[in-house]
Structure formats: structure tokens, C-alpha cells
Amino acid sequence: MNDNARSAVAVVSGETDLESAKKQNAMMLFGEKYDKEKVRIVSIGSNSLELCGGTHVQNSLEVFPFKIISDTSVAAGTRRIEAVSGVACHEWLLKQSHDLESVASLLQSPPCLVDHVSVLAHRAKSLDSEVKRLKKRILSTVLPVEAKSQYISVHRIPDLSPGDGKATNQAIRMYRDLLQAQQKDVPVHFILCGSFIACSVNDVDIGNANTLITRCFVDCSPGSGGGNATFAQGQFAVAEFSLKISDKIVTFL
């Protein structure tokens, strides 16, 4: 695109009938309705020949430099491309350069910013793996039961990722798997973690996880959540309320 724009080719427009435009192999939009008697045809040297009613520049050099800044899907088989050109592109490139200089300054980066960011990304990935390993180790042992009845046990696990709901849910599911493996004789397990709560049911003849979670939000503290008969989870509107509900949960069955 930039090579064509830099070649300074004149943009020529004129009018003809639709049949003549077709014979010239002018590009047309699928599904567009054109006047058979008069259509506007635009050409840019040998690079482009199409029917178009929009406004155009006089010369291809007016859109140099050209940069695509967004390419997204808007429907099946349809993409939306956004670009800047000419003065707008020059200003956009200057801003990008300024942003890179700012990033380099924040990172106290050596001249080669890409290599420095690559090292940081690798280090972050290693640290993330180490954090996951440590979390798994912490949750690899069944913690003391906070409350228990004939059918229900309530466990509270440490919130290792405050403010990160996705990580907390992963920790809950990890601990759920541990309980299912080591305490199969307990029909229903409740797991509390910060403001989050989950219910895992080993015997659906005794209880339904989705129903029990809903009851927590009705009888204990406002919140929202859901799931299925064997596993459901949710979150309390106020985290502190989860500290006071263990004794009440064990009375549900």
C-alpha cells in the first residue's frame, strides 16, 4: 500500500453506464444496488478500478504514509479495517514513538527495548508458574474442618489471590478435587474463600449443589451464583458475612 501511495499516481474519476463498467472489470460491492444508466468510476493508475460514490484524494501521495491500526471481525466473512494516512498517520507514528520512549524510560531499558521486554516477559512467565506451584502446594493438604454435621462439612481456604476472582475460583476447584479424592464419604462439601463460596455434592440423593448455594444467599447473606446438581459456586455481596455462616450451613441438611 505504501509503495503504491508513494508512487504519486493521479486519482481519476468519471461517469459511465453500469454495463461499460462491468466490461472494464471495475470492482463492485456485493449486494450493492447501482444505477444502470450512470455510475461513478474511480481509477488509481493500474492499481485500482472500482465503482464508488465517495470523496477521493487527487493523488495517491496524499495518503502516504498509510498504516492499518485495527483489523477486527464484525460478522461471518466480514472484517472491519481502520487505518490512518497522511498527516494523521504521521501524528499517530509520532505518538507511538513517544509511547515507546516512555515505556523504555519506565523500564529503565537499554537501547534494545524489544530484547529487554522479552526478558521481562520470560521472567514474568517463570514467576507465574512458581506462584501456581506454591498455591498448589498450599492447597495440597486438607485443612481442618470449620464446621461439620452428619451430611455437610465446611472448609475455609486462604484467599491467595485477593481481588482476582478467576484465580480464586481455580483454587476452589483445586481444593474441591482434593476433597473428592480424600473425603468421598462426606456427601456435601462447602468451601469458603474470601467472599466466594462453593458447594460440591458427592451424593445427589442427599442434596443438590445449586439449590444449596441458592439457599446460602437466601438464608445467610445476599449474593449470586449457580451451577448444577454436583457443583455450584457464587460470591457474597459482603465478604465479611462469609465469616459467620459456617454453623448455619451445616443445618441445611
C-alpha atoms as a PDB file:
ATOM      1  CA  MET A   1       0.000   0.000   0.000  1.00  0.00           C
ATOM      2  CA  ASN A   2       2.719   2.488   0.951  1.00  0.00           C
ATOM      3  CA  ASP A   3       4.722   1.668  -2.199  1.00  0.00           C
ATOM      4  CA  ASN A   4       1.665   2.408  -4.341  1.00  0.00           C
ATOM      5  CA  ALA A   5       0.848   5.583  -2.433  1.00  0.00           C
ATOM      6  CA  ARG A   6       4.442   6.836  -2.685  1.00  0.00           C
ATOM      7  CA  SER A   7       4.409   6.379  -6.469  1.00  0.00           C
ATOM      8  CA  ALA A   8       2.291   9.571  -6.749  1.00  0.00           C
ATOM      9  CA  VAL A   9      -0.331   8.208  -9.128  1.00  0.00           C
ATOM     10  CA  ALA A  10      -3.203  10.504 -10.113  1.00  0.00           C
ATOM     11  CA  VAL A  11      -6.681   9.528  -8.893  1.00  0.00           C
ATOM     12  CA  VAL A  12      -9.089   9.811 -11.822  1.00  0.00           C
ATOM     13  CA  SER A  13     -12.869   9.685 -11.595  1.00  0.00           C
ATOM     14  CA  GLY A  14     -15.578   9.776 -14.240  1.00  0.00           C
ATOM     15  CA  GLU A  15     -19.040   8.534 -15.092  1.00  0.00           C
ATOM     16  CA  THR A  16     -20.199   5.698 -17.333  1.00  0.00           C
ATOM     17  CA  ASP A  17     -23.047   3.213 -17.561  1.00  0.00           C
ATOM     18  CA  LEU A  18     -23.062   0.040 -15.458  1.00  0.00           C
ATOM     19  CA  GLU A  19     -22.544  -2.328 -18.412  1.00  0.00           C
ATOM     20  CA  SER A  20     -19.440  -0.466 -19.580  1.00  0.00           C
ATOM     21  CA  ALA A  21     -18.053  -0.522 -16.045  1.00  0.00           C
ATOM     22  CA  LYS A  22     -18.528  -4.301 -15.926  1.00  0.00           C
ATOM     23  CA  LYS A  23     -16.668  -4.705 -19.227  1.00  0.00           C
ATOM     24  CA  GLN A  24     -13.746  -2.784 -17.698  1.00  0.00           C
ATOM     25  CA  ASN A  25     -13.772  -5.260 -14.755  1.00  0.00           C
ATOM     26  CA  ALA A  26     -14.396  -2.459 -12.294  1.00  0.00           C
ATOM     27  CA  MET A  27     -14.704  -3.722  -8.741  1.00  0.00           C
ATOM     28  CA  MET A  28     -18.234  -3.587  -7.308  1.00  0.00           C
ATOM     29  CA  LEU A  29     -19.598  -4.272  -3.852  1.00  0.00           C
ATOM     30  CA  PHE A  30     -21.622  -7.473  -3.495  1.00  0.00           C
ATOM     31  CA  GLY A  31     -25.262  -6.712  -2.771  1.00  0.00           C
ATOM     32  CA  GLU A  32     -24.924  -3.008  -3.632  1.00  0.00           C
ATOM     33  CA  LYS A  33     -27.570  -1.535  -5.962  1.00  0.00           C
ATOM     34  CA  TYR A  34     -26.192   0.571  -8.850  1.00  0.00           C
ATOM     35  CA  ASP A  35     -27.907   2.846 -11.358  1.00  0.00           C
ATOM     36  CA  LYS A  36     -27.778   1.108 -14.742  1.00  0.00           C
ATOM     37  CA  GLU A  37     -27.529   4.371 -16.656  1.00  0.00           C
ATOM     38  CA  LYS A  38     -24.891   6.247 -14.666  1.00  0.00           C
ATOM     39  CA  VAL A  39     -22.266   5.121 -12.195  1.00  0.00           C
ATOM     40  CA  ARG A  40     -19.154   6.839 -10.871  1.00  0.00           C
ATOM     41  CA  ILE A  41     -15.941   5.005 -11.680  1.00  0.00           C
ATOM     42  CA  VAL A  42     -12.635   5.743  -9.966  1.00  0.00           C
ATOM     43  CA  SER A  43      -9.178   4.588 -11.047  1.00  0.00           C
ATOM     44  CA  ILE A  44      -5.726   4.881  -9.488  1.00  0.00           C
ATOM     45  CA  GLY A  45      -3.345   4.026 -12.301  1.00  0.00           C
ATOM     46  CA  SER A  46      -3.290   0.252 -12.858  1.00  0.00           C
ATOM     47  CA  ASN A  47      -3.666  -0.432  -9.145  1.00  0.00           C
ATOM     48  CA  SER A  48      -7.389   0.073  -8.711  1.00  0.00           C
ATOM     49  CA  LEU A  49     -10.553   0.456 -10.757  1.00  0.00           C
ATOM     50  CA  GLU A  50     -13.856   0.467  -8.927  1.00  0.00           C
ATOM     51  CA  LEU A  51     -17.320   1.937  -8.647  1.00  0.00           C
ATOM     52  CA  CYS A  52     -17.559   4.369  -5.769  1.00  0.00           C
ATOM     53  CA  GLY A  53     -19.601   7.431  -4.879  1.00  0.00           C
ATOM     54  CA  GLY A  54     -17.396   8.654  -2.052  1.00  0.00           C
ATOM     55  CA  THR A  55     -14.943  11.521  -1.773  1.00  0.00           C
ATOM     56  CA  HIS A  56     -11.406  10.857  -3.031  1.00  0.00           C
ATOM     57  CA  VAL A  57      -7.982  12.440  -2.988  1.00  0.00           C
ATOM     58  CA  GLN A  58      -6.432  13.837  -6.151  1.00  0.00           C
ATOM     59  CA  ASN A  59      -3.217  11.861  -5.919  1.00  0.00           C
ATOM     60  CA  SER A  60      -2.131   8.669  -4.138  1.00  0.00           C
ATOM     61  CA  LEU A  61       0.704  10.570  -2.457  1.00  0.00           C
ATOM     62  CA  GLU A  62      -1.888  12.354  -0.302  1.00  0.00           C
ATOM     63  CA  VAL A  63      -2.476   9.138   1.676  1.00  0.00           C
ATOM     64  CA  PHE A  64       1.225   8.476   2.292  1.00  0.00           C
ATOM     65  CA  PRO A  65       2.206   7.224   4.819  1.00  0.00           C
ATOM     66  CA  PHE A  66      -0.529   4.677   5.411  1.00  0.00           C
ATOM     67  CA  LYS A  67      -0.937   2.446   8.488  1.00  0.00           C
ATOM     68  CA  ILE A  68      -3.604  -0.118   9.416  1.00  0.00           C
ATOM     69  CA  ILE A  69      -4.261   0.283  13.154  1.00  0.00           C
ATOM     70  CA  SER A  70      -7.183  -2.122  13.626  1.00  0.00           C
ATOM     71  CA  ASP A  71      -8.422  -5.291  11.926  1.00  0.00           C
ATOM     72  CA  THR A  72     -11.465  -6.877  13.570  1.00  0.00           C
ATOM     73  CA  SER A  73     -14.233  -9.301  12.705  1.00  0.00           C
ATOM     74  CA  VAL A  74     -17.732  -7.755  12.682  1.00  0.00           C
ATOM     75  CA  ALA A  75     -19.652 -10.691  11.201  1.00  0.00           C
ATOM     76  CA  ALA A  76     -19.123 -14.025   9.486  1.00  0.00           C
ATOM     77  CA  GLY A  77     -16.902 -13.369   6.482  1.00  0.00           C
ATOM     78  CA  THR A  78     -16.800  -9.617   7.191  1.00  0.00           C
ATOM     79  CA  ARG A  79     -13.908  -7.661   8.677  1.00  0.00           C
ATOM     80  CA  ARG A  80     -13.597  -4.018   9.673  1.00  0.00           C
ATOM     81  CA  ILE A  81     -10.266  -2.358   8.947  1.00  0.00           C
ATOM     82  CA  GLU A  82      -9.366   1.030  10.420  1.00  0.00           C
ATOM     83  CA  ALA A  83      -6.358   2.978   9.209  1.00  0.00           C
ATOM     84  CA  VAL A  84      -4.706   6.377   9.355  1.00  0.00           C
ATOM     85  CA  SER A  85      -2.955   8.117   6.464  1.00  0.00           C
ATOM     86  CA  GLY A  86      -1.132  11.293   5.538  1.00  0.00           C
ATOM     87  CA  VAL A  87      -0.793  13.842   8.337  1.00  0.00           C
ATOM     88  CA  ALA A  88      -2.941  11.739  10.689  1.00  0.00           C
ATOM     89  CA  CYS A  89      -0.620   8.772  10.176  1.00  0.00           C
ATOM     90  CA  HIS A  90       2.448  10.933  10.787  1.00  0.00           C
ATOM     91  CA  GLU A  91       0.939  12.137  14.095  1.00  0.00           C
ATOM     92  CA  TRP A  92      -0.008   8.567  15.047  1.00  0.00           C
ATOM     93  CA  LEU A  93       3.546   7.337  14.386  1.00  0.00           C
ATOM     94  CA  LEU A  94       4.975  10.193  16.473  1.00  0.00           C
ATOM     95  CA  LYS A  95       2.690   9.219  19.364  1.00  0.00           C
ATOM     96  CA  GLN A  96       3.767   5.581  19.072  1.00  0.00           C
ATOM     97  CA  SER A  97       7.397   6.658  19.176  1.00  0.00           C
ATOM     98  CA  HIS A  98       6.744   8.839  22.230  1.00  0.00           C
ATOM     99  CA  ASP A  99       4.920   5.972  23.977  1.00  0.00           C
ATOM    100  CA  LEU A 100       7.840   3.609  23.314  1.00  0.00           C
ATOM    101  CA  GLU A 101      10.272   6.144  24.739  1.00  0.00           C
ATOM    102  CA  SER A 102       8.080   6.450  27.839  1.00  0.00           C
ATOM    103  CA  VAL A 103       7.942   2.661  28.265  1.00  0.00           C
ATOM    104  CA  ALA A 104      11.716   2.410  27.847  1.00  0.00           C
ATOM    105  CA  SER A 105      12.162   5.096  30.496  1.00  0.00           C
ATOM    106  CA  LEU A 106       9.790   3.361  32.949  1.00  0.00           C
ATOM    107  CA  LEU A 107      11.594   0.046  32.461  1.00  0.00           C
ATOM    108  CA  GLN A 108      14.998   1.706  32.603  1.00  0.00           C
ATOM    109  CA  SER A 109      15.613  -0.219  29.419  1.00  0.00           C
ATOM    110  CA  PRO A 110      18.868  -0.439  27.487  1.00  0.00           C
ATOM    111  CA  PRO A 111      18.808   0.721  23.834  1.00  0.00           C
ATOM    112  CA  CYS A 112      17.200  -2.523  22.609  1.00  0.00           C
ATOM    113  CA  LEU A 113      13.725  -2.300  24.159  1.00  0.00           C
ATOM    114  CA  VAL A 114      12.402  -5.440  22.457  1.00  0.00           C
ATOM    115  CA  ASP A 115      15.090  -7.677  23.958  1.00  0.00           C
ATOM    116  CA  HIS A 116      14.550  -6.148  27.393  1.00  0.00           C
ATOM    117  CA  VAL A 117      10.762  -6.675  27.254  1.00  0.00           C
ATOM    118  CA  SER A 118      11.338 -10.244  26.048  1.00  0.00           C
ATOM    119  CA  VAL A 119      13.486 -10.954  29.134  1.00  0.00           C
ATOM    120  CA  LEU A 120      10.843  -9.407  31.407  1.00  0.00           C
ATOM    121  CA  ALA A 121       8.077 -11.444  29.773  1.00  0.00           C
ATOM    122  CA  HIS A 122      10.058 -14.647  30.264  1.00  0.00           C
ATOM    123  CA  ARG A 123      10.704 -13.733  33.900  1.00  0.00           C
ATOM    124  CA  ALA A 124       7.012 -12.973  34.470  1.00  0.00           C
ATOM    125  CA  LYS A 125       6.039 -16.327  32.969  1.00  0.00           C
ATOM    126  CA  SER A 126       8.502 -18.125  35.251  1.00  0.00           C
ATOM    127  CA  LEU A 127       7.185 -16.274  38.306  1.00  0.00           C
ATOM    128  CA  ASP A 128       3.612 -17.089  37.341  1.00  0.00           C
ATOM    129  CA  SER A 129       4.496 -20.793  37.124  1.00  0.00           C
ATOM    130  CA  GLU A 130       6.187 -20.598  40.524  1.00  0.00           C
ATOM    131  CA  VAL A 131       3.143 -18.905  42.084  1.00  0.00           C
ATOM    132  CA  LYS A 132       0.857 -21.614  40.686  1.00  0.00           C
ATOM    133  CA  ARG A 133       3.186 -24.304  42.048  1.00  0.00           C
ATOM    134  CA  LEU A 134       3.193 -22.736  45.511  1.00  0.00           C
ATOM    135  CA  LYS A 135      -0.593 -22.349  45.520  1.00  0.00           C
ATOM    136  CA  LYS A 136      -0.988 -25.989  44.583  1.00  0.00           C
ATOM    137  CA  ARG A 137       1.386 -26.965  47.366  1.00  0.00           C
ATOM    138  CA  ILE A 138      -0.520 -24.869  49.918  1.00  0.00           C
ATOM    139  CA  LEU A 139      -3.825 -26.415  48.860  1.00  0.00           C
ATOM    140  CA  SER A 140      -2.482 -29.963  48.628  1.00  0.00           C
ATOM    141  CA  THR A 141      -3.363 -30.753  52.249  1.00  0.00           C
ATOM    142  CA  VAL A 142      -6.907 -30.916  53.590  1.00  0.00           C
ATOM    143  CA  LEU A 143      -7.316 -28.132  56.137  1.00  0.00           C
ATOM    144  CA  PRO A 144      -9.184 -28.613  59.440  1.00  0.00           C
ATOM    145  CA  VAL A 145     -12.963 -28.652  59.038  1.00  0.00           C
ATOM    146  CA  GLU A 146     -14.505 -25.368  60.163  1.00  0.00           C
ATOM    147  CA  ALA A 147     -17.924 -26.877  60.836  1.00  0.00           C
ATOM    148  CA  LYS A 148     -19.464 -30.295  60.323  1.00  0.00           C
ATOM    149  CA  SER A 149     -22.728 -32.190  60.567  1.00  0.00           C
ATOM    150  CA  GLN A 150     -23.837 -35.671  59.558  1.00  0.00           C
ATOM    151  CA  TYR A 151     -24.046 -34.739  55.881  1.00  0.00           C
ATOM    152  CA  ILE A 152     -22.109 -31.476  55.458  1.00  0.00           C
ATOM    153  CA  SER A 153     -18.550 -30.317  56.080  1.00  0.00           C
ATOM    154  CA  VAL A 154     -17.475 -26.688  55.740  1.00  0.00           C
ATOM    155  CA  HIS A 155     -13.896 -25.827  54.789  1.00  0.00           C
ATOM    156  CA  ARG A 156     -12.252 -22.415  54.644  1.00  0.00           C
ATOM    157  CA  ILE A 157      -9.171 -21.993  52.461  1.00  0.00           C
ATOM    158  CA  PRO A 158      -6.814 -18.996  52.357  1.00  0.00           C
ATOM    159  CA  ASP A 159      -7.522 -16.363  49.729  1.00  0.00           C
ATOM    160  CA  LEU A 160      -4.185 -16.459  47.910  1.00  0.00           C
ATOM    161  CA  SER A 161      -5.237 -14.032  45.170  1.00  0.00           C
ATOM    162  CA  PRO A 162      -7.350 -11.232  46.710  1.00  0.00           C
ATOM    163  CA  GLY A 163      -9.190  -9.308  44.026  1.00  0.00           C
ATOM    164  CA  ASP A 164      -8.566 -11.961  41.353  1.00  0.00           C
ATOM    165  CA  GLY A 165     -11.849 -13.848  41.042  1.00  0.00           C
ATOM    166  CA  LYS A 166     -10.571 -16.162  38.309  1.00  0.00           C
ATOM    167  CA  ALA A 167      -7.584 -17.297  40.383  1.00  0.00           C
ATOM    168  CA  THR A 168      -9.787 -17.753  43.462  1.00  0.00           C
ATOM    169  CA  ASN A 169     -12.225 -19.926  41.511  1.00  0.00           C
ATOM    170  CA  GLN A 170      -9.327 -22.038  40.255  1.00  0.00           C
ATOM    171  CA  ALA A 171      -8.105 -22.509  43.843  1.00  0.00           C
ATOM    172  CA  ILE A 172     -11.596 -23.530  44.964  1.00  0.00           C
ATOM    173  CA  ARG A 173     -11.877 -26.111  42.185  1.00  0.00           C
ATOM    174  CA  MET A 174      -8.410 -27.452  43.028  1.00  0.00           C
ATOM    175  CA  TYR A 175      -9.406 -27.884  46.660  1.00  0.00           C
ATOM    176  CA  ARG A 176     -12.737 -29.416  45.605  1.00  0.00           C
ATOM    177  CA  ASP A 177     -10.837 -32.104  43.662  1.00  0.00           C
ATOM    178  CA  LEU A 178      -8.699 -32.801  46.730  1.00  0.00           C
ATOM    179  CA  LEU A 179     -11.770 -33.230  48.945  1.00  0.00           C
ATOM    180  CA  GLN A 180     -13.464 -35.516  46.457  1.00  0.00           C
ATOM    181  CA  ALA A 181     -10.378 -37.713  46.375  1.00  0.00           C
ATOM    182  CA  GLN A 182      -9.726 -37.836  50.127  1.00  0.00           C
ATOM    183  CA  GLN A 183     -13.172 -37.437  51.720  1.00  0.00           C
ATOM    184  CA  LYS A 184     -15.538 -39.388  49.500  1.00  0.00           C
ATOM    185  CA  ASP A 185     -17.599 -40.471  52.500  1.00  0.00           C
ATOM    186  CA  VAL A 186     -18.825 -36.886  53.131  1.00  0.00           C
ATOM    187  CA  PRO A 187     -21.948 -36.259  50.989  1.00  0.00           C
ATOM    188  CA  VAL A 188     -21.642 -32.458  50.769  1.00  0.00           C
ATOM    189  CA  HIS A 189     -18.640 -30.138  50.984  1.00  0.00           C
ATOM    190  CA  PHE A 190     -18.846 -26.361  51.277  1.00  0.00           C
ATOM    191  CA  ILE A 191     -15.686 -24.371  50.505  1.00  0.00           C
ATOM    192  CA  LEU A 192     -15.301 -20.751  51.628  1.00  0.00           C
ATOM    193  CA  CYS A 193     -12.582 -18.453  50.289  1.00  0.00           C
ATOM    194  CA  GLY A 194     -12.828 -14.730  50.954  1.00  0.00           C
ATOM    195  CA  SER A 195     -16.186 -13.611  49.583  1.00  0.00           C
ATOM    196  CA  PHE A 196     -16.518 -16.737  47.422  1.00  0.00           C
ATOM    197  CA  ILE A 197     -18.356 -19.934  48.270  1.00  0.00           C
ATOM    198  CA  ALA A 198     -18.680 -23.275  46.502  1.00  0.00           C
ATOM    199  CA  CYS A 199     -20.701 -26.425  47.130  1.00  0.00           C
ATOM    200  CA  SER A 200     -19.601 -29.873  45.963  1.00  0.00           C
ATOM    201  CA  VAL A 201     -22.032 -32.783  46.266  1.00  0.00           C
ATOM    202  CA  ASN A 202     -20.875 -36.411  46.202  1.00  0.00           C
ATOM    203  CA  ASP A 203     -24.347 -37.867  46.685  1.00  0.00           C
ATOM    204  CA  VAL A 204     -27.154 -36.096  44.778  1.00  0.00           C
ATOM    205  CA  ASP A 205     -29.740 -38.227  46.584  1.00  0.00           C
ATOM    206  CA  ILE A 206     -28.911 -36.223  49.702  1.00  0.00           C
ATOM    207  CA  GLY A 207     -28.522 -32.726  48.282  1.00  0.00           C
ATOM    208  CA  ASN A 208     -28.359 -30.528  45.181  1.00  0.00           C
ATOM    209  CA  ALA A 209     -25.381 -28.167  44.960  1.00  0.00           C
ATOM    210  CA  ASN A 210     -27.211 -25.462  43.010  1.00  0.00           C
ATOM    211  CA  THR A 211     -30.132 -25.497  45.458  1.00  0.00           C
ATOM    212  CA  LEU A 212     -27.817 -25.349  48.479  1.00  0.00           C
ATOM    213  CA  ILE A 213     -25.830 -22.394  47.072  1.00  0.00           C
ATOM    214  CA  THR A 214     -29.069 -20.527  46.405  1.00  0.00           C
ATOM    215  CA  ARG A 215     -30.180 -21.206  49.970  1.00  0.00           C
ATOM    216  CA  CYS A 216     -26.939 -19.666  51.270  1.00  0.00           C
ATOM    217  CA  PHE A 217     -27.798 -16.396  49.557  1.00  0.00           C
ATOM    218  CA  VAL A 218     -31.393 -16.519  50.815  1.00  0.00           C
ATOM    219  CA  ASP A 219     -30.827 -17.639  54.419  1.00  0.00           C
ATOM    220  CA  CYS A 220     -27.308 -16.393  55.190  1.00  0.00           C
ATOM    221  CA  SER A 221     -26.200 -13.389  53.165  1.00  0.00           C
ATOM    222  CA  PRO A 222     -27.079 -11.672  49.850  1.00  0.00           C
ATOM    223  CA  GLY A 223     -25.065 -12.817  46.870  1.00  0.00           C
ATOM    224  CA  SER A 224     -25.282 -14.515  43.499  1.00  0.00           C
ATOM    225  CA  GLY A 225     -24.119 -17.687  41.829  1.00  0.00           C
ATOM    226  CA  GLY A 226     -25.239 -21.006  40.471  1.00  0.00           C
ATOM    227  CA  GLY A 227     -24.175 -24.285  38.918  1.00  0.00           C
ATOM    228  CA  ASN A 228     -25.512 -27.796  38.636  1.00  0.00           C
ATOM    229  CA  ALA A 229     -26.515 -30.652  40.931  1.00  0.00           C
ATOM    230  CA  THR A 230     -22.938 -31.692  41.776  1.00  0.00           C
ATOM    231  CA  PHE A 231     -21.072 -28.378  41.839  1.00  0.00           C
ATOM    232  CA  ALA A 232     -22.124 -24.754  42.251  1.00  0.00           C
ATOM    233  CA  GLN A 233     -20.367 -21.598  43.321  1.00  0.00           C
ATOM    234  CA  GLY A 234     -21.018 -17.922  43.885  1.00  0.00           C
ATOM    235  CA  GLN A 235     -19.974 -14.792  45.704  1.00  0.00           C
ATOM    236  CA  PHE A 236     -21.386 -12.916  48.684  1.00  0.00           C
ATOM    237  CA  ALA A 237     -22.147  -9.225  48.287  1.00  0.00           C
ATOM    238  CA  VAL A 238     -20.236  -8.530  51.518  1.00  0.00           C
ATOM    239  CA  ALA A 239     -17.137 -10.658  52.154  1.00  0.00           C
ATOM    240  CA  GLU A 240     -17.343 -10.346  55.962  1.00  0.00           C
ATOM    241  CA  PHE A 241     -20.666 -12.208  56.035  1.00  0.00           C
ATOM    242  CA  SER A 242     -18.922 -15.410  54.941  1.00  0.00           C
ATOM    243  CA  LEU A 243     -17.102 -15.457  58.286  1.00  0.00           C
ATOM    244  CA  LYS A 244     -20.311 -16.037  60.210  1.00  0.00           C
ATOM    245  CA  ILE A 245     -22.232 -18.651  58.270  1.00  0.00           C
ATOM    246  CA  SER A 246     -20.448 -21.982  58.794  1.00  0.00           C
ATOM    247  CA  ASP A 247     -22.614 -23.083  61.726  1.00  0.00           C
ATOM    248  CA  LYS A 248     -25.754 -22.219  59.793  1.00  0.00           C
ATOM    249  CA  ILE A 249     -24.698 -24.021  56.610  1.00  0.00           C
ATOM    250  CA  VAL A 250     -24.340 -27.364  58.373  1.00  0.00           C
ATOM    251  CA  THR A 251     -28.028 -27.215  59.367  1.00  0.00           C
ATOM    252  CA  PHE A 252     -29.216 -27.151  55.726  1.00  0.00           C
ATOM    253  CA  LEU A 253     -29.478 -30.979  55.568  1.00  0.00           C
END
